[in-house]
Amino acid sequence: MPPTRSQNRIRAARGDDFEAVTGLLERLGRARVTPETRDHCEALFRQQVVDPNSHHMVAVDAEGEVVAFCSLHFRPRLNQVREDAWIPDLVVREASRREGIGAAMLAEAEQRAAARGCRVLTLESGYERTNAHHLYRRFGMRDGGRYFVKDVEPAGDSEPPS
């Protein structure tokens, strides 16, 4: 039996959530963590879970299994006095969708953004994620525009930041 809404709880992500979180992100379409990228990716995750400008949250079910992940970052803007709160990643595992977990994660992110004095909460989502877009609209979010992407090749012998 799938867990009910009351059996899920949101908590701060911990370093030992790395495998579960990257698994969720990979199912969302993010790059796979490979043996070559693992050390860098895990170090970045462990750094971000303690960074006061990044709030990584997970939802866990009654058995303690990670079923959702939300990455919330606080960003200053040159033309604004108050920071922006930005969600680059919000993912709920397929089997746990439509249980209110995504809405609960958004509400938690909004509370954290308000407590920090942010002016806006923004979220990135792929065009194909139409079901998620319905959730965001029900939550009171609006389509605020587009973003454009261009891959950049590293110059010379550049190394990834450590």
C-alpha atoms as a PDB file:
ATOM      1  CA  MET A   1       0.000   0.000   0.000  1.00  0.00           C
ATOM      2  CA  PRO A   2       1.460   3.408  -0.918  1.00  0.00           C
ATOM      3  CA  PRO A   3       2.051   5.751   1.981  1.00  0.00           C
ATOM      4  CA  THR A   4      -0.638   8.280   2.745  1.00  0.00           C
ATOM      5  CA  ARG A   5       0.066  11.992   2.802  1.00  0.00           C
ATOM      6  CA  SER A   6       0.477  11.918   6.578  1.00  0.00           C
ATOM      7  CA  GLN A   7       3.143   9.190   6.395  1.00  0.00           C
ATOM      8  CA  ASN A   8       5.550  11.371   4.384  1.00  0.00           C
ATOM      9  CA  ARG A   9       7.719  13.940   6.067  1.00  0.00           C
ATOM     10  CA  ILE A  10      10.029  16.639   4.767  1.00  0.00           C
ATOM     11  CA  ARG A  11      13.465  17.063   6.264  1.00  0.00           C
ATOM     12  CA  ALA A  12      16.752  18.703   5.393  1.00  0.00           C
ATOM     13  CA  ALA A  13      18.837  16.619   3.026  1.00  0.00           C
ATOM     14  CA  ARG A  14      21.976  15.043   4.478  1.00  0.00           C
ATOM     15  CA  GLY A  15      25.215  13.962   2.874  1.00  0.00           C
ATOM     16  CA  ASP A  16      24.141  10.321   3.076  1.00  0.00           C
ATOM     17  CA  ASP A  17      21.131  11.102   0.843  1.00  0.00           C
ATOM     18  CA  PHE A  18      23.443  11.485  -2.167  1.00  0.00           C
ATOM     19  CA  GLU A  19      22.616   8.148  -3.824  1.00  0.00           C
ATOM     20  CA  ALA A  20      18.858   8.552  -3.438  1.00  0.00           C
ATOM     21  CA  VAL A  21      18.884  12.165  -4.624  1.00  0.00           C
ATOM     22  CA  THR A  22      21.046  11.520  -7.671  1.00  0.00           C
ATOM     23  CA  GLY A  23      18.863   8.535  -8.530  1.00  0.00           C
ATOM     24  CA  LEU A  24      15.785  10.776  -8.521  1.00  0.00           C
ATOM     25  CA  LEU A  25      17.557  13.416 -10.606  1.00  0.00           C
ATOM     26  CA  GLU A  26      18.686  10.819 -13.148  1.00  0.00           C
ATOM     27  CA  ARG A  27      15.083   9.628 -13.554  1.00  0.00           C
ATOM     28  CA  LEU A  28      14.151  13.267 -14.185  1.00  0.00           C
ATOM     29  CA  GLY A  29      16.627  13.330 -17.055  1.00  0.00           C
ATOM     30  CA  ARG A  30      19.678  14.852 -15.401  1.00  0.00           C
ATOM     31  CA  ALA A  31      23.147  13.581 -16.243  1.00  0.00           C
ATOM     32  CA  ARG A  32      24.122  10.236 -14.752  1.00  0.00           C
ATOM     33  CA  VAL A  33      26.724  10.176 -12.029  1.00  0.00           C
ATOM     34  CA  THR A  34      29.549   8.070 -13.420  1.00  0.00           C
ATOM     35  CA  PRO A  35      32.665   6.696 -11.756  1.00  0.00           C
ATOM     36  CA  GLU A  36      34.548   9.616 -13.343  1.00  0.00           C
ATOM     37  CA  THR A  37      32.163  12.289 -11.976  1.00  0.00           C
ATOM     38  CA  ARG A  38      31.147  10.677  -8.682  1.00  0.00           C
ATOM     39  CA  ASP A  39      33.741  12.265  -6.379  1.00  0.00           C
ATOM     40  CA  HIS A  40      33.093  15.748  -7.743  1.00  0.00           C
ATOM     41  CA  CYS A  41      29.286  15.377  -7.654  1.00  0.00           C
ATOM     42  CA  GLU A  42      29.246  13.947  -4.146  1.00  0.00           C
ATOM     43  CA  ALA A  43      31.603  16.637  -2.827  1.00  0.00           C
ATOM     44  CA  LEU A  44      29.379  19.338  -4.341  1.00  0.00           C
ATOM     45  CA  PHE A  45      26.249  17.770  -2.840  1.00  0.00           C
ATOM     46  CA  ARG A  46      27.854  17.482   0.602  1.00  0.00           C
ATOM     47  CA  GLN A  47      29.007  21.118   0.359  1.00  0.00           C
ATOM     48  CA  GLN A  48      25.546  22.323  -0.636  1.00  0.00           C
ATOM     49  CA  VAL A  49      23.681  20.494   2.147  1.00  0.00           C
ATOM     50  CA  VAL A  50      25.539  22.667   4.668  1.00  0.00           C
ATOM     51  CA  ASP A  51      25.611  25.893   2.589  1.00  0.00           C
ATOM     52  CA  PRO A  52      23.293  28.541   4.124  1.00  0.00           C
ATOM     53  CA  ASN A  53      22.492  29.761   0.581  1.00  0.00           C
ATOM     54  CA  SER A  54      21.260  26.317  -0.516  1.00  0.00           C
ATOM     55  CA  HIS A  55      18.458  24.463   1.197  1.00  0.00           C
ATOM     56  CA  HIS A  56      18.227  20.885  -0.078  1.00  0.00           C
ATOM     57  CA  MET A  57      15.143  19.088   1.194  1.00  0.00           C
ATOM     58  CA  VAL A  58      13.933  15.527   0.857  1.00  0.00           C
ATOM     59  CA  ALA A  59      10.611  13.884   1.556  1.00  0.00           C
ATOM     60  CA  VAL A  60      10.810  10.464   3.172  1.00  0.00           C
ATOM     61  CA  ASP A  61       8.103   7.835   3.472  1.00  0.00           C
ATOM     62  CA  ALA A  62       7.148   5.879   6.595  1.00  0.00           C
ATOM     63  CA  GLU A  63      10.117   3.531   6.063  1.00  0.00           C
ATOM     64  CA  GLY A  64      12.546   6.459   5.790  1.00  0.00           C
ATOM     65  CA  GLU A  65      13.081   6.040   2.041  1.00  0.00           C
ATOM     66  CA  VAL A  66      13.721   9.250   0.088  1.00  0.00           C
ATOM     67  CA  VAL A  67      10.776   9.747  -2.287  1.00  0.00           C
ATOM     68  CA  ALA A  68      11.299  13.390  -3.323  1.00  0.00           C
ATOM     69  CA  PHE A  69      13.962  16.076  -3.557  1.00  0.00           C
ATOM     70  CA  CYS A  70      13.790  19.856  -3.734  1.00  0.00           C
ATOM     71  CA  SER A  71      16.817  22.072  -4.236  1.00  0.00           C
ATOM     72  CA  LEU A  72      16.262  25.668  -3.108  1.00  0.00           C
ATOM     73  CA  HIS A  73      18.913  28.332  -3.658  1.00  0.00           C
ATOM     74  CA  PHE A  74      18.984  31.963  -2.578  1.00  0.00           C
ATOM     75  CA  ARG A  75      20.432  34.387  -5.121  1.00  0.00           C
ATOM     76  CA  PRO A  76      21.107  38.097  -4.847  1.00  0.00           C
ATOM     77  CA  ARG A  77      20.228  40.229  -7.881  1.00  0.00           C
ATOM     78  CA  LEU A  78      22.050  43.432  -8.761  1.00  0.00           C
ATOM     79  CA  ASN A  79      18.863  45.403  -9.331  1.00  0.00           C
ATOM     80  CA  GLN A  80      16.972  44.107  -6.283  1.00  0.00           C
ATOM     81  CA  VAL A  81      17.325  44.699  -2.572  1.00  0.00           C
ATOM     82  CA  ARG A  82      15.789  41.319  -1.691  1.00  0.00           C
ATOM     83  CA  GLU A  83      17.084  37.942  -2.852  1.00  0.00           C
ATOM     84  CA  ASP A  84      15.360  35.558  -5.241  1.00  0.00           C
ATOM     85  CA  ALA A  85      14.559  32.027  -4.121  1.00  0.00           C
ATOM     86  CA  TRP A  86      15.187  29.584  -6.988  1.00  0.00           C
ATOM     87  CA  ILE A  87      14.265  25.925  -7.333  1.00  0.00           C
ATOM     88  CA  PRO A  88      16.370  24.311 -10.067  1.00  0.00           C
ATOM     89  CA  ASP A  89      15.279  20.790  -9.097  1.00  0.00           C
ATOM     90  CA  LEU A  90      12.026  19.418  -7.726  1.00  0.00           C
ATOM     91  CA  VAL A  91      11.340  15.740  -8.291  1.00  0.00           C
ATOM     92  CA  VAL A  92       8.997  13.178  -6.758  1.00  0.00           C
ATOM     93  CA  ARG A  93       9.519   9.513  -7.577  1.00  0.00           C
ATOM     94  CA  GLU A  94       6.925   8.207 -10.004  1.00  0.00           C
ATOM     95  CA  ALA A  95       5.263   5.794  -7.537  1.00  0.00           C
ATOM     96  CA  SER A  96       4.768   8.602  -4.984  1.00  0.00           C
ATOM     97  CA  ARG A  97       3.238  11.244  -7.244  1.00  0.00           C
ATOM     98  CA  ARG A  98      -0.257  12.633  -6.662  1.00  0.00           C
ATOM     99  CA  GLU A  99       0.086  12.188  -2.887  1.00  0.00           C
ATOM    100  CA  GLY A 100       0.629  15.889  -2.150  1.00  0.00           C
ATOM    101  CA  ILE A 101       4.392  15.590  -1.748  1.00  0.00           C
ATOM    102  CA  GLY A 102       5.259  18.082  -4.504  1.00  0.00           C
ATOM    103  CA  ALA A 103       2.800  20.632  -3.108  1.00  0.00           C
ATOM    104  CA  ALA A 104       4.209  20.112   0.395  1.00  0.00           C
ATOM    105  CA  MET A 105       7.765  20.634  -0.895  1.00  0.00           C
ATOM    106  CA  LEU A 106       6.685  23.845  -2.654  1.00  0.00           C
ATOM    107  CA  ALA A 107       4.979  25.086   0.517  1.00  0.00           C
ATOM    108  CA  GLU A 108       8.126  24.385   2.541  1.00  0.00           C
ATOM    109  CA  ALA A 109      10.247  26.213  -0.054  1.00  0.00           C
ATOM    110  CA  GLU A 110       7.868  29.173   0.044  1.00  0.00           C
ATOM    111  CA  GLN A 111       8.023  29.303   3.857  1.00  0.00           C
ATOM    112  CA  ARG A 112      11.822  29.277   3.770  1.00  0.00           C
ATOM    113  CA  ALA A 113      11.872  31.977   1.086  1.00  0.00           C
ATOM    114  CA  ALA A 114       9.479  34.169   3.087  1.00  0.00           C
ATOM    115  CA  ALA A 115      11.486  33.656   6.293  1.00  0.00           C
ATOM    116  CA  ARG A 116      14.595  34.771   4.432  1.00  0.00           C
ATOM    117  CA  GLY A 117      12.823  37.865   3.068  1.00  0.00           C
ATOM    118  CA  CYS A 118      12.954  36.839  -0.594  1.00  0.00           C
ATOM    119  CA  ARG A 119      10.990  38.820  -3.146  1.00  0.00           C
ATOM    120  CA  VAL A 120      10.081  35.915  -5.458  1.00  0.00           C
ATOM    121  CA  LEU A 121      10.146  32.113  -5.706  1.00  0.00           C
ATOM    122  CA  THR A 122      11.065  30.799  -9.155  1.00  0.00           C
ATOM    123  CA  LEU A 123      11.297  27.276 -10.490  1.00  0.00           C
ATOM    124  CA  GLU A 124      12.765  25.656 -13.609  1.00  0.00           C
ATOM    125  CA  SER A 125      10.788  22.969 -15.417  1.00  0.00           C
ATOM    126  CA  GLY A 126      11.093  21.277 -18.791  1.00  0.00           C
ATOM    127  CA  TYR A 127       8.411  21.828 -21.412  1.00  0.00           C
ATOM    128  CA  GLU A 128       7.457  18.142 -21.375  1.00  0.00           C
ATOM    129  CA  ARG A 129       6.558  18.128 -17.657  1.00  0.00           C
ATOM    130  CA  THR A 130       2.963  19.246 -18.199  1.00  0.00           C
ATOM    131  CA  ASN A 131       1.567  17.438 -15.146  1.00  0.00           C
ATOM    132  CA  ALA A 132       4.078  19.242 -12.950  1.00  0.00           C
ATOM    133  CA  HIS A 133       3.119  22.542 -14.579  1.00  0.00           C
ATOM    134  CA  HIS A 134      -0.487  22.014 -13.455  1.00  0.00           C
ATOM    135  CA  LEU A 135       0.793  21.569  -9.886  1.00  0.00           C
ATOM    136  CA  TYR A 136       2.810  24.787 -10.087  1.00  0.00           C
ATOM    137  CA  ARG A 137      -0.180  26.746 -11.377  1.00  0.00           C
ATOM    138  CA  ARG A 138      -2.429  25.334  -8.632  1.00  0.00           C
ATOM    139  CA  PHE A 139       0.241  26.460  -6.175  1.00  0.00           C
ATOM    140  CA  GLY A 140      -0.161  30.024  -7.486  1.00  0.00           C
ATOM    141  CA  MET A 141       2.897  30.166  -9.727  1.00  0.00           C
ATOM    142  CA  ARG A 142       2.732  31.597 -13.249  1.00  0.00           C
ATOM    143  CA  ASP A 143       4.773  31.014 -16.368  1.00  0.00           C
ATOM    144  CA  GLY A 144       7.309  33.809 -16.045  1.00  0.00           C
ATOM    145  CA  GLY A 145       9.217  33.404 -19.285  1.00  0.00           C
ATOM    146  CA  ARG A 146      11.812  31.263 -20.959  1.00  0.00           C
ATOM    147  CA  TYR A 147      15.435  30.485 -20.482  1.00  0.00           C
ATOM    148  CA  PHE A 148      17.895  29.630 -23.184  1.00  0.00           C
ATOM    149  CA  VAL A 149      20.788  27.189 -23.016  1.00  0.00           C
ATOM    150  CA  LYS A 150      24.072  26.896 -24.865  1.00  0.00           C
ATOM    151  CA  ASP A 151      26.653  24.276 -24.018  1.00  0.00           C
ATOM    152  CA  VAL A 152      30.107  25.733 -23.405  1.00  0.00           C
ATOM    153  CA  GLU A 153      33.285  23.830 -24.106  1.00  0.00           C
ATOM    154  CA  PRO A 154      35.975  24.275 -21.436  1.00  0.00           C
ATOM    155  CA  ALA A 155      38.965  26.314 -22.506  1.00  0.00           C
ATOM    156  CA  GLY A 156      42.321  24.561 -22.691  1.00  0.00           C
ATOM    157  CA  ASP A 157      43.200  22.405 -19.727  1.00  0.00           C
ATOM    158  CA  SER A 158      40.497  23.704 -17.399  1.00  0.00           C
ATOM    159  CA  GLU A 159      39.526  21.436 -14.548  1.00  0.00           C
ATOM    160  CA  PRO A 160      36.114  21.314 -12.869  1.00  0.00           C
ATOM    161  CA  PRO A 161      36.004  23.397  -9.674  1.00  0.00           C
ATOM    162  CA  SER A 162      36.706  21.413  -6.531  1.00  0.00           C
END
